[in-house]
PDB file of N, CA and C in Angstrom:
ATOM      1  N   MET A   1      59.396  72.464 122.348  1.00  0.00           N
ATOM      2  CA  MET A   1      60.469  71.704 121.910  1.00  0.00           C
ATOM      3  C   MET A   1      62.091  72.532 122.065  1.00  0.00           C
ATOM      4  N   TYR A   2      61.503  73.192 121.466  1.00  0.00           N
ATOM      5  CA  TYR A   2      62.460  75.173 121.235  1.00  0.00           C
ATOM      6  C   TYR A   2      62.871  75.262 122.427  1.00  0.00           C
ATOM      7  N   VAL A   3      62.258  75.021 123.712  1.00  0.00           N
ATOM      8  CA  VAL A   3      62.848  75.548 124.962  1.00  0.00           C
ATOM      9  C   VAL A   3      64.131  74.146 125.506  1.00  0.00           C
ATOM     10  N   HIS A   4      63.397  72.995 124.966  1.00  0.00           N
ATOM     11  CA  HIS A   4      64.740  71.943 125.282  1.00  0.00           C
ATOM     12  C   HIS A   4      65.992  72.796 124.172  1.00  0.00           C
ATOM     13  N   ALA A   5      65.444  72.863 123.341  1.00  0.00           N
ATOM     14  CA  ALA A   5      66.549  72.861 121.938  1.00  0.00           C
ATOM     15  C   ALA A   5      67.680  74.806 122.949  1.00  0.00           C
ATOM     16  N   VAL A   6      67.403  75.043 123.266  1.00  0.00           N
ATOM     17  CA  VAL A   6      68.336  76.062 124.079  1.00  0.00           C
ATOM     18  C   VAL A   6      68.769  75.832 125.149  1.00  0.00           C
ATOM     19  N   ALA A   7      68.082  75.111 125.807  1.00  0.00           N
ATOM     20  CA  ALA A   7      68.953  74.985 127.191  1.00  0.00           C
ATOM     21  C   ALA A   7      70.239  73.574 126.836  1.00  0.00           C
ATOM     22  N   ALA A   8      69.643  72.859 126.114  1.00  0.00           N
ATOM     23  CA  ALA A   8      70.443  71.966 125.367  1.00  0.00           C
ATOM     24  C   ALA A   8      71.917  72.540 124.679  1.00  0.00           C
ATOM     25  N   SER A   9      71.728  74.067 124.031  1.00  0.00           N
ATOM     26  CA  SER A   9      72.609  74.288 123.343  1.00  0.00           C
ATOM     27  C   SER A   9      73.597  75.458 125.061  1.00  0.00           C
ATOM     28  N   ALA A  10      72.556  75.661 125.622  1.00  0.00           N
ATOM     29  CA  ALA A  10      73.528  76.450 126.425  1.00  0.00           C
ATOM     30  C   ALA A  10      74.490  75.351 127.303  1.00  0.00           C
ATOM     31  N   LEU A  11      73.724  74.536 127.534  1.00  0.00           N
ATOM     32  CA  LEU A  11      74.646  73.361 128.380  1.00  0.00           C
ATOM     33  C   LEU A  11      75.979  72.512 127.629  1.00  0.00           C
ATOM     34  N   TYR A  12      75.864  72.562 126.650  1.00  0.00           N
ATOM     35  CA  TYR A  12      76.758  72.100 124.915  1.00  0.00           C
ATOM     36  C   TYR A  12      78.086  73.369 125.478  1.00  0.00           C
ATOM     37  N   ASN A  13      77.272  74.360 125.923  1.00  0.00           N
ATOM     38  CA  ASN A  13      78.112  75.740 125.290  1.00  0.00           C
ATOM     39  C   ASN A  13      79.252  75.470 126.568  1.00  0.00           C
ATOM     40  N   GLU A  14      77.900  75.442 128.053  1.00  0.00           N
ATOM     41  CA  GLU A  14      78.840  75.323 128.849  1.00  0.00           C
ATOM     42  C   GLU A  14      79.966  74.636 129.294  1.00  0.00           C
ATOM     43  N   LEU A  15      79.937  73.671 129.082  1.00  0.00           N
ATOM     44  CA  LEU A  15      80.690  71.866 129.078  1.00  0.00           C
ATOM     45  C   LEU A  15      81.490  72.274 128.198  1.00  0.00           C
ATOM     46  N   GLY A  16      81.911  73.051 126.584  1.00  0.00           N
ATOM     47  CA  GLY A  16      82.447  73.246 126.213  1.00  0.00           C
ATOM     48  C   GLY A  16      83.857  74.053 126.334  1.00  0.00           C
ATOM     49  N   MET A  17      82.993  75.294 127.631  1.00  0.00           N
ATOM     50  CA  MET A  17      83.658  76.097 127.952  1.00  0.00           C
ATOM     51  C   MET A  17      84.367  75.638 128.916  1.00  0.00           C
ATOM     52  N   ALA A  18      84.408  74.557 129.724  1.00  0.00           N
ATOM     53  CA  ALA A  18      84.792  74.419 130.575  1.00  0.00           C
ATOM     54  C   ALA A  18      86.141  73.645 130.175  1.00  0.00           C
ATOM     55  N   GLU A  19      85.838  72.731 129.314  1.00  0.00           N
ATOM     56  CA  GLU A  19      86.965  71.983 129.045  1.00  0.00           C
ATOM     57  C   GLU A  19      88.201  72.909 128.431  1.00  0.00           C
ATOM     58  N   VAL A  20      87.267  74.573 127.552  1.00  0.00           N
ATOM     59  CA  VAL A  20      89.061  74.875 126.770  1.00  0.00           C
ATOM     60  C   VAL A  20      89.704  75.626 128.025  1.00  0.00           C
ATOM     61  N   TYR A  21      88.725  75.940 129.319  1.00  0.00           N
ATOM     62  CA  TYR A  21      89.283  76.832 130.428  1.00  0.00           C
ATOM     63  C   TYR A  21      89.559  75.828 131.108  1.00  0.00           C
ATOM     64  N   GLU A  22      89.848  74.511 130.861  1.00  0.00           N
ATOM     65  CA  GLU A  22      90.757  73.441 132.053  1.00  0.00           C
ATOM     66  C   GLU A  22      91.735  73.268 130.936  1.00  0.00           C
ATOM     67  N   ALA A  23      92.001  73.136 129.896  1.00  0.00           N
ATOM     68  CA  ALA A  23      93.299  72.719 129.142  1.00  0.00           C
ATOM     69  C   ALA A  23      94.076  74.153 129.186  1.00  0.00           C
ATOM     70  N   LEU A  24      93.331  75.238 128.632  1.00  0.00           N
ATOM     71  CA  LEU A  24      94.218  76.557 128.501  1.00  0.00           C
ATOM     72  C   LEU A  24      94.394  77.571 129.534  1.00  0.00           C
ATOM     73  N   GLY A  25      93.893  77.382 130.738  1.00  0.00           N
ATOM     74  CA  GLY A  25      94.163  77.835 131.828  1.00  0.00           C
ATOM     75  C   GLY A  25      93.406  79.214 131.973  1.00  0.00           C
ATOM     76  N   PRO A  26      92.892  79.668 131.263  1.00  0.00           N
ATOM     77  CA  PRO A  26      92.674  81.108 131.680  1.00  0.00           C
ATOM     78  C   PRO A  26      91.292  80.990 132.841  1.00  0.00           C
ATOM     79  N   ALA A  27      90.747  82.115 133.573  1.00  0.00           N
ATOM     80  CA  ALA A  27      89.580  82.559 134.567  1.00  0.00           C
ATOM     81  C   ALA A  27      88.203  82.163 133.530  1.00  0.00           C
ATOM     82  N   SER A  28      87.057  82.125 134.128  1.00  0.00           N
ATOM     83  CA  SER A  28      86.120  82.491 133.644  1.00  0.00           C
ATOM     84  C   SER A  28      85.109  83.805 134.436  1.00  0.00           C
ATOM     85  N   GLU A  29      84.970  84.399 133.920  1.00  0.00           N
ATOM     86  CA  GLU A  29      83.759  85.543 134.465  1.00  0.00           C
ATOM     87  C   GLU A  29      82.130  85.790 133.846  1.00  0.00           C
ATOM     88  N   PRO A  30      81.323  85.668 134.448  1.00  0.00           N
ATOM     89  CA  PRO A  30      80.206  86.240 133.675  1.00  0.00           C
ATOM     90  C   PRO A  30      79.854  87.846 133.382  1.00  0.00           C
ATOM     91  N   ARG A  31      79.545  88.289 132.701  1.00  0.00           N
ATOM     92  CA  ARG A  31      79.347  89.786 131.662  1.00  0.00           C
ATOM     93  C   ARG A  31      78.166  89.231 131.482  1.00  0.00           C
ATOM     94  N   THR A  32      77.365  90.964 132.189  1.00  0.00           N
ATOM     95  CA  THR A  32      76.083  91.420 131.867  1.00  0.00           C
ATOM     96  C   THR A  32      76.245  91.287 129.973  1.00  0.00           C
ATOM     97  N   VAL A  33      75.468  91.082 129.001  1.00  0.00           N
ATOM     98  CA  VAL A  33      75.255  92.006 127.953  1.00  0.00           C
ATOM     99  C   VAL A  33      74.470  92.672 128.025  1.00  0.00           C
ATOM    100  N   THR A  34      72.941  92.359 128.419  1.00  0.00           N
ATOM    101  CA  THR A  34      71.731  92.636 128.546  1.00  0.00           C
ATOM    102  C   THR A  34      70.939  93.176 130.438  1.00  0.00           C
ATOM    103  N   PRO A  35      70.921  94.193 129.780  1.00  0.00           N
ATOM    104  CA  PRO A  35      70.696  94.353 131.584  1.00  0.00           C
ATOM    105  C   PRO A  35      69.254  94.056 131.554  1.00  0.00           C
ATOM    106  N   GLY A  36      69.262  93.228 132.692  1.00  0.00           N
ATOM    107  CA  GLY A  36      67.938  91.983 133.075  1.00  0.00           C
ATOM    108  C   GLY A  36      67.969  90.923 132.244  1.00  0.00           C
ATOM    109  N   ARG A  37      68.651  90.818 131.976  1.00  0.00           N
ATOM    110  CA  ARG A  37      68.852  89.104 131.110  1.00  0.00           C
ATOM    111  C   ARG A  37      69.661  88.556 131.496  1.00  0.00           C
ATOM    112  N   ARG A  38      69.666  86.879 131.624  1.00  0.00           N
ATOM    113  CA  ARG A  38      71.077  86.323 132.795  1.00  0.00           C
ATOM    114  C   ARG A  38      72.496  86.745 131.729  1.00  0.00           C
ATOM    115  N   PRO A  39      73.181  86.677 132.571  1.00  0.00           N
ATOM    116  CA  PRO A  39      74.597  87.067 132.125  1.00  0.00           C
ATOM    117  C   PRO A  39      75.472  85.509 131.083  1.00  0.00           C
ATOM    118  N   VAL A  40      76.290  86.620 130.670  1.00  0.00           N
ATOM    119  CA  VAL A  40      76.894  85.390 129.601  1.00  0.00           C
ATOM    120  C   VAL A  40      78.300  85.046 130.121  1.00  0.00           C
ATOM    121  N   MET A  41      79.289  83.870 129.899  1.00  0.00           N
ATOM    122  CA  MET A  41      80.290  83.672 130.158  1.00  0.00           C
ATOM    123  C   MET A  41      81.620  84.261 129.263  1.00  0.00           C
ATOM    124  N   GLY A  42      82.740  85.101 130.030  1.00  0.00           N
ATOM    125  CA  GLY A  42      83.740  85.018 128.854  1.00  0.00           C
ATOM    126  C   GLY A  42      85.215  85.414 130.141  1.00  0.00           C
ATOM    127  N   VAL A  43      85.948  85.199 129.259  1.00  0.00           N
ATOM    128  CA  VAL A  43      87.168  84.932 130.017  1.00  0.00           C
ATOM    129  C   VAL A  43      87.737  86.396 130.374  1.00  0.00           C
ATOM    130  N   ALA A  44      88.240  86.269 131.925  1.00  0.00           N
ATOM    131  CA  ALA A  44      87.666  87.059 133.030  1.00  0.00           C
ATOM    132  C   ALA A  44      89.433  87.762 132.473  1.00  0.00           C
ATOM    133  N   GLY A  45      89.030  89.390 132.559  1.00  0.00           N
ATOM    134  CA  GLY A  45      90.026  90.442 132.087  1.00  0.00           C
ATOM    135  C   GLY A  45      90.335  90.802 131.075  1.00  0.00           C
ATOM    136  N   VAL A  46      89.235  90.383 129.896  1.00  0.00           N
ATOM    137  CA  VAL A  46      89.300  91.154 128.522  1.00  0.00           C
ATOM    138  C   VAL A  46      88.022  92.476 128.848  1.00  0.00           C
ATOM    139  N   PRO A  47      89.023  93.430 128.264  1.00  0.00           N
ATOM    140  CA  PRO A  47      88.392  94.676 128.524  1.00  0.00           C
ATOM    141  C   PRO A  47      87.049  94.524 127.292  1.00  0.00           C
ATOM    142  N   HIS A  48      85.597  95.351 128.170  1.00  0.00           N
ATOM    143  CA  HIS A  48      84.340  95.526 127.524  1.00  0.00           C
ATOM    144  C   HIS A  48      84.437  96.245 126.410  1.00  0.00           C
ATOM    145  N   GLU A  49      85.745  97.001 126.172  1.00  0.00           N
ATOM    146  CA  GLU A  49      85.912  97.764 124.693  1.00  0.00           C
ATOM    147  C   GLU A  49      86.081  96.790 123.535  1.00  0.00           C
ATOM    148  N   LEU A  50      87.197  95.916 124.040  1.00  0.00           N
ATOM    149  CA  LEU A  50      87.572  95.025 122.631  1.00  0.00           C
ATOM    150  C   LEU A  50      86.513  94.185 122.529  1.00  0.00           C
ATOM    151  N   ILE A  51      85.910  93.486 123.613  1.00  0.00           N
ATOM    152  CA  ILE A  51      84.684  92.772 123.754  1.00  0.00           C
ATOM    153  C   ILE A  51      83.860  93.306 122.349  1.00  0.00           C
ATOM    154  N   ARG A  52      83.454  94.414 122.384  1.00  0.00           N
ATOM    155  CA  ARG A  52      82.605  95.325 121.387  1.00  0.00           C
ATOM    156  C   ARG A  52      83.118  95.838 120.091  1.00  0.00           C
ATOM    157  N   TRP A  53      84.662  95.640 120.130  1.00  0.00           N
ATOM    158  CA  TRP A  53      85.709  96.459 119.015  1.00  0.00           C
ATOM    159  C   TRP A  53      85.482  95.023 118.066  1.00  0.00           C
ATOM    160  N   THR A  54      85.506  93.933 118.383  1.00  0.00           N
ATOM    161  CA  THR A  54      85.847  92.742 117.686  1.00  0.00           C
ATOM    162  C   THR A  54      84.063  92.078 117.537  1.00  0.00           C
ATOM    163  N   SER A  55      83.330  92.276 118.049  1.00  0.00           N
ATOM    164  CA  SER A  55      81.560  91.935 117.830  1.00  0.00           C
ATOM    165  C   SER A  55      80.936  92.591 116.717  1.00  0.00           C
ATOM    166  N   ARG A  56      80.599  92.085 116.046  1.00  0.00           N
ATOM    167  CA  ARG A  56      80.388  92.557 114.703  1.00  0.00           C
ATOM    168  C   ARG A  56      78.177  91.983 114.956  1.00  0.00           C
ATOM    169  N   ARG A  57      78.158  91.117 115.238  1.00  0.00           N
ATOM    170  CA  ARG A  57      77.020  90.956 115.598  1.00  0.00           C
ATOM    171  C   ARG A  57      75.641  91.997 115.453  1.00  0.00           C
ATOM    172  N   SER A  58      76.031  92.398 117.384  1.00  0.00           N
ATOM    173  CA  SER A  58      75.050  93.571 117.082  1.00  0.00           C
ATOM    174  C   SER A  58      74.479  94.293 115.810  1.00  0.00           C
ATOM    175  N   ASP A  59      75.695  94.830 115.663  1.00  0.00           N
ATOM    176  CA  ASP A  59      75.844  96.522 114.228  1.00  0.00           C
ATOM    177  C   ASP A  59      74.769  95.142 113.199  1.00  0.00           C
ATOM    178  N   GLN A  60      75.805  94.114 112.995  1.00  0.00           N
ATOM    179  CA  GLN A  60      74.561  93.205 111.746  1.00  0.00           C
ATOM    180  C   GLN A  60      73.051  93.251 111.929  1.00  0.00           C
ATOM    181  N   ILE A  61      73.071  93.313 113.069  1.00  0.00           N
ATOM    182  CA  ILE A  61      71.444  92.836 113.406  1.00  0.00           C
ATOM    183  C   ILE A  61      70.474  93.864 113.491  1.00  0.00           C
ATOM    184  N   ALA A  62      71.490  95.772 114.145  1.00  0.00           N
ATOM    185  CA  ALA A  62      70.247  96.193 113.571  1.00  0.00           C
ATOM    186  C   ALA A  62      70.665  97.147 112.202  1.00  0.00           C
ATOM    187  N   ALA A  63      71.611  96.474 111.298  1.00  0.00           N
ATOM    188  CA  ALA A  63      71.587  97.023 110.137  1.00  0.00           C
ATOM    189  C   ALA A  63      70.209  96.626 109.811  1.00  0.00           C
ATOM    190  N   CYS A  64      69.996  95.198 109.648  1.00  0.00           N
ATOM    191  CA  CYS A  64      69.150  94.166 109.033  1.00  0.00           C
ATOM    192  C   CYS A  64      67.867  94.889 108.700  1.00  0.00           C
ATOM    193  N   PRO A  65      66.667  95.362 109.591  1.00  0.00           N
ATOM    194  CA  PRO A  65      65.735  96.492 109.202  1.00  0.00           C
ATOM    195  C   PRO A  65      65.776  97.036 108.347  1.00  0.00           C
ATOM    196  N   ALA A  66      66.771  97.436 107.950  1.00  0.00           N
ATOM    197  CA  ALA A  66      66.720  98.796 106.918  1.00  0.00           C
ATOM    198  C   ALA A  66      66.661  98.028 105.529  1.00  0.00           C
ATOM    199  N   GLU A  67      68.545  96.800 105.989  1.00  0.00           N
ATOM    200  CA  GLU A  67      68.444  95.843 104.516  1.00  0.00           C
ATOM    201  C   GLU A  67      67.064  95.625 104.069  1.00  0.00           C
ATOM    202  N   LEU A  68      66.034  95.196 104.830  1.00  0.00           N
ATOM    203  CA  LEU A  68      64.662  94.363 104.097  1.00  0.00           C
ATOM    204  C   LEU A  68      63.798  95.094 103.799  1.00  0.00           C
ATOM    205  N   GLU A  69      64.359  96.322 104.748  1.00  0.00           N
ATOM    206  CA  GLU A  69      62.916  97.526 103.472  1.00  0.00           C
ATOM    207  C   GLU A  69      63.426  98.055 102.738  1.00  0.00           C
ATOM    208  N   ASP A  70      64.472  98.233 102.066  1.00  0.00           N
ATOM    209  CA  ASP A  70      64.878  98.110 101.556  1.00  0.00           C
ATOM    210  C   ASP A  70      64.648  97.793 100.233  1.00  0.00           C
ATOM    211  N   GLU A  71      65.242  96.144 100.314  1.00  0.00           N
ATOM    212  CA  GLU A  71      64.488  95.459  99.861  1.00  0.00           C
ATOM    213  C   GLU A  71      63.307  95.012  99.299  1.00  0.00           C
ATOM    214  N   TYR A  72      62.225  95.332  99.608  1.00  0.00           N
ATOM    215  CA  TYR A  72      60.999  94.910 100.612  1.00  0.00           C
ATOM    216  C   TYR A  72      59.624  95.966 100.020  1.00  0.00           C
ATOM    217  N   VAL A  73      60.398  97.863 100.012  1.00  0.00           N
ATOM    218  CA  VAL A  73      60.155  98.823  99.112  1.00  0.00           C
ATOM    219  C   VAL A  73      60.630  98.854  97.473  1.00  0.00           C
ATOM    220  N   THR A  74      60.343  98.794  96.661  1.00  0.00           N
ATOM    221  CA  THR A  74      61.183  98.130  95.758  1.00  0.00           C
ATOM    222  C   THR A  74      60.324  99.797  94.547  1.00  0.00           C
ATOM    223  N   ALA A  75      59.308  99.777  94.316  1.00  0.00           N
ATOM    224  CA  ALA A  75      58.912 100.861  93.966  1.00  0.00           C
ATOM    225  C   ALA A  75      57.543 101.592  94.470  1.00  0.00           C
ATOM    226  N   VAL A  76      57.648 103.120  94.068  1.00  0.00           N
ATOM    227  CA  VAL A  76      56.601 104.257  94.075  1.00  0.00           C
ATOM    228  C   VAL A  76      55.277 104.130  93.023  1.00  0.00           C
ATOM    229  N   ASP A  77      54.158 103.898  93.791  1.00  0.00           N
ATOM    230  CA  ASP A  77      52.621 104.415  92.501  1.00  0.00           C
ATOM    231  C   ASP A  77      53.059 105.372  92.102  1.00  0.00           C
ATOM    232  N   ASP A  78      52.071 106.105  91.540  1.00  0.00           N
ATOM    233  CA  ASP A  78      51.763 107.303  90.470  1.00  0.00           C
ATOM    234  C   ASP A  78      51.753 108.786  91.555  1.00  0.00           C
ATOM    235  N   VAL A  79      51.703 108.267  92.665  1.00  0.00           N
ATOM    236  CA  VAL A  79      51.173 109.330  94.154  1.00  0.00           C
ATOM    237  C   VAL A  79      52.470 109.364  94.882  1.00  0.00           C
ATOM    238  N   GLY A  80      53.161 108.463  94.962  1.00  0.00           N
ATOM    239  CA  GLY A  80      54.861 108.933  95.502  1.00  0.00           C
ATOM    240  C   GLY A  80      54.895 107.458  96.732  1.00  0.00           C
ATOM    241  N   GLU A  81      53.447 107.193  96.837  1.00  0.00           N
ATOM    242  CA  GLU A  81      53.140 106.180  97.680  1.00  0.00           C
ATOM    243  C   GLU A  81      53.686 105.091  97.425  1.00  0.00           C
ATOM    244  N   PRO A  82      54.904 104.344  98.402  1.00  0.00           N
ATOM    245  CA  PRO A  82      55.685 103.026  98.050  1.00  0.00           C
ATOM    246  C   PRO A  82      54.067 101.853  97.477  1.00  0.00           C
ATOM    247  N   ARG A  83      54.916 101.282  97.226  1.00  0.00           N
ATOM    248  CA  ARG A  83      54.461 100.124  96.375  1.00  0.00           C
ATOM    249  C   ARG A  83      54.890  99.124  96.789  1.00  0.00           C
ATOM    250  N   PHE A  84      54.593  98.077  97.679  1.00  0.00           N
ATOM    251  CA  PHE A  84      54.890  96.852  98.469  1.00  0.00           C
ATOM    252  C   PHE A  84      54.940  95.820  97.694  1.00  0.00           C
ATOM    253  N   LEU A  85      55.995  94.711  97.273  1.00  0.00           N
ATOM    254  CA  LEU A  85      55.923  93.435  96.446  1.00  0.00           C
ATOM    255  C   LEU A  85      56.741  92.326  97.801  1.00  0.00           C
ATOM    256  N   PRO A  86      55.988  91.829  97.333  1.00  0.00           N
ATOM    257  CA  PRO A  86      56.915  90.390  98.109  1.00  0.00           C
ATOM    258  C   PRO A  86      58.136  90.052  97.536  1.00  0.00           C
ATOM    259  N   VAL A  87      59.184  89.911  98.603  1.00  0.00           N
ATOM    260  CA  VAL A  87      60.326  89.802  98.780  1.00  0.00           C
ATOM    261  C   VAL A  87      60.673  87.839  97.999  1.00  0.00           C
ATOM    262  N   LEU A  88      60.742  87.593  96.962  1.00  0.00           N
ATOM    263  CA  LEU A  88      61.046  86.121  96.815  1.00  0.00           C
ATOM    264  C   LEU A  88      62.040  85.588  97.959  1.00  0.00           C
ATOM    265  N   SER A  89      62.236  84.946  97.931  1.00  0.00           N
ATOM    266  CA  SER A  89      63.722  83.487  98.441  1.00  0.00           C
ATOM    267  C   SER A  89      64.055  83.401  97.450  1.00  0.00           C
ATOM    268  N   GLU A  90      65.372  83.433  97.397  1.00  0.00           N
ATOM    269  CA  GLU A  90      66.603  82.549  96.095  1.00  0.00           C
ATOM    270  C   GLU A  90      65.917  81.890  95.545  1.00  0.00           C
ATOM    271  N   ARG A  91      65.510  80.614  96.324  1.00  0.00           N
ATOM    272  CA  ARG A  91      64.843  79.376  96.027  1.00  0.00           C
ATOM    273  C   ARG A  91      63.474  79.633  95.242  1.00  0.00           C
ATOM    274  N   ALA A  92      62.813  80.456  95.248  1.00  0.00           N
ATOM    275  CA  ALA A  92      61.445  81.033  94.973  1.00  0.00           C
ATOM    276  C   ALA A  92      61.590  81.114  93.563  1.00  0.00           C
ATOM    277  N   ARG A  93      62.912  81.796  93.708  1.00  0.00           N
ATOM    278  CA  ARG A  93      63.173  83.309  92.142  1.00  0.00           C
ATOM    279  C   ARG A  93      63.383  82.274  91.067  1.00  0.00           C
ATOM    280  N   ILE A  94      64.023  80.769  91.417  1.00  0.00           N
ATOM    281  CA  ILE A  94      64.934  80.161  90.944  1.00  0.00           C
ATOM    282  C   ILE A  94      63.477  78.942  90.637  1.00  0.00           C
ATOM    283  N   ARG A  95      62.803  79.016  91.032  1.00  0.00           N
ATOM    284  CA  ARG A  95      61.604  77.947  90.766  1.00  0.00           C
ATOM    285  C   ARG A  95      60.738  78.866  89.586  1.00  0.00           C
ATOM    286  N   SER A  96      60.643  79.956  89.515  1.00  0.00           N
ATOM    287  CA  SER A  96      59.749  80.867  88.825  1.00  0.00           C
ATOM    288  C   SER A  96      60.015  80.668  87.653  1.00  0.00           C
TER     289      SER A  96
END
């Protein structure tokens, strides 16, 4: 089912982009984001530096493991070893 959801999402994005490009007139071009992966479509002529400057998702993803570790490791035991406690979701905290 996941495979079909991904394909449907890709088709939806392509059709949406086609309508935008048809209405506004810019050209599109494939752009390689991750080597070895399928390219993504972008507006032709936009420099990679500008895209990177305005894109924060990859920075947020890179920071996520550190934030999760900080939440997960909440204390140390008597000998200085990390004591791991389960991280409860907000929903679970409200229920308890």
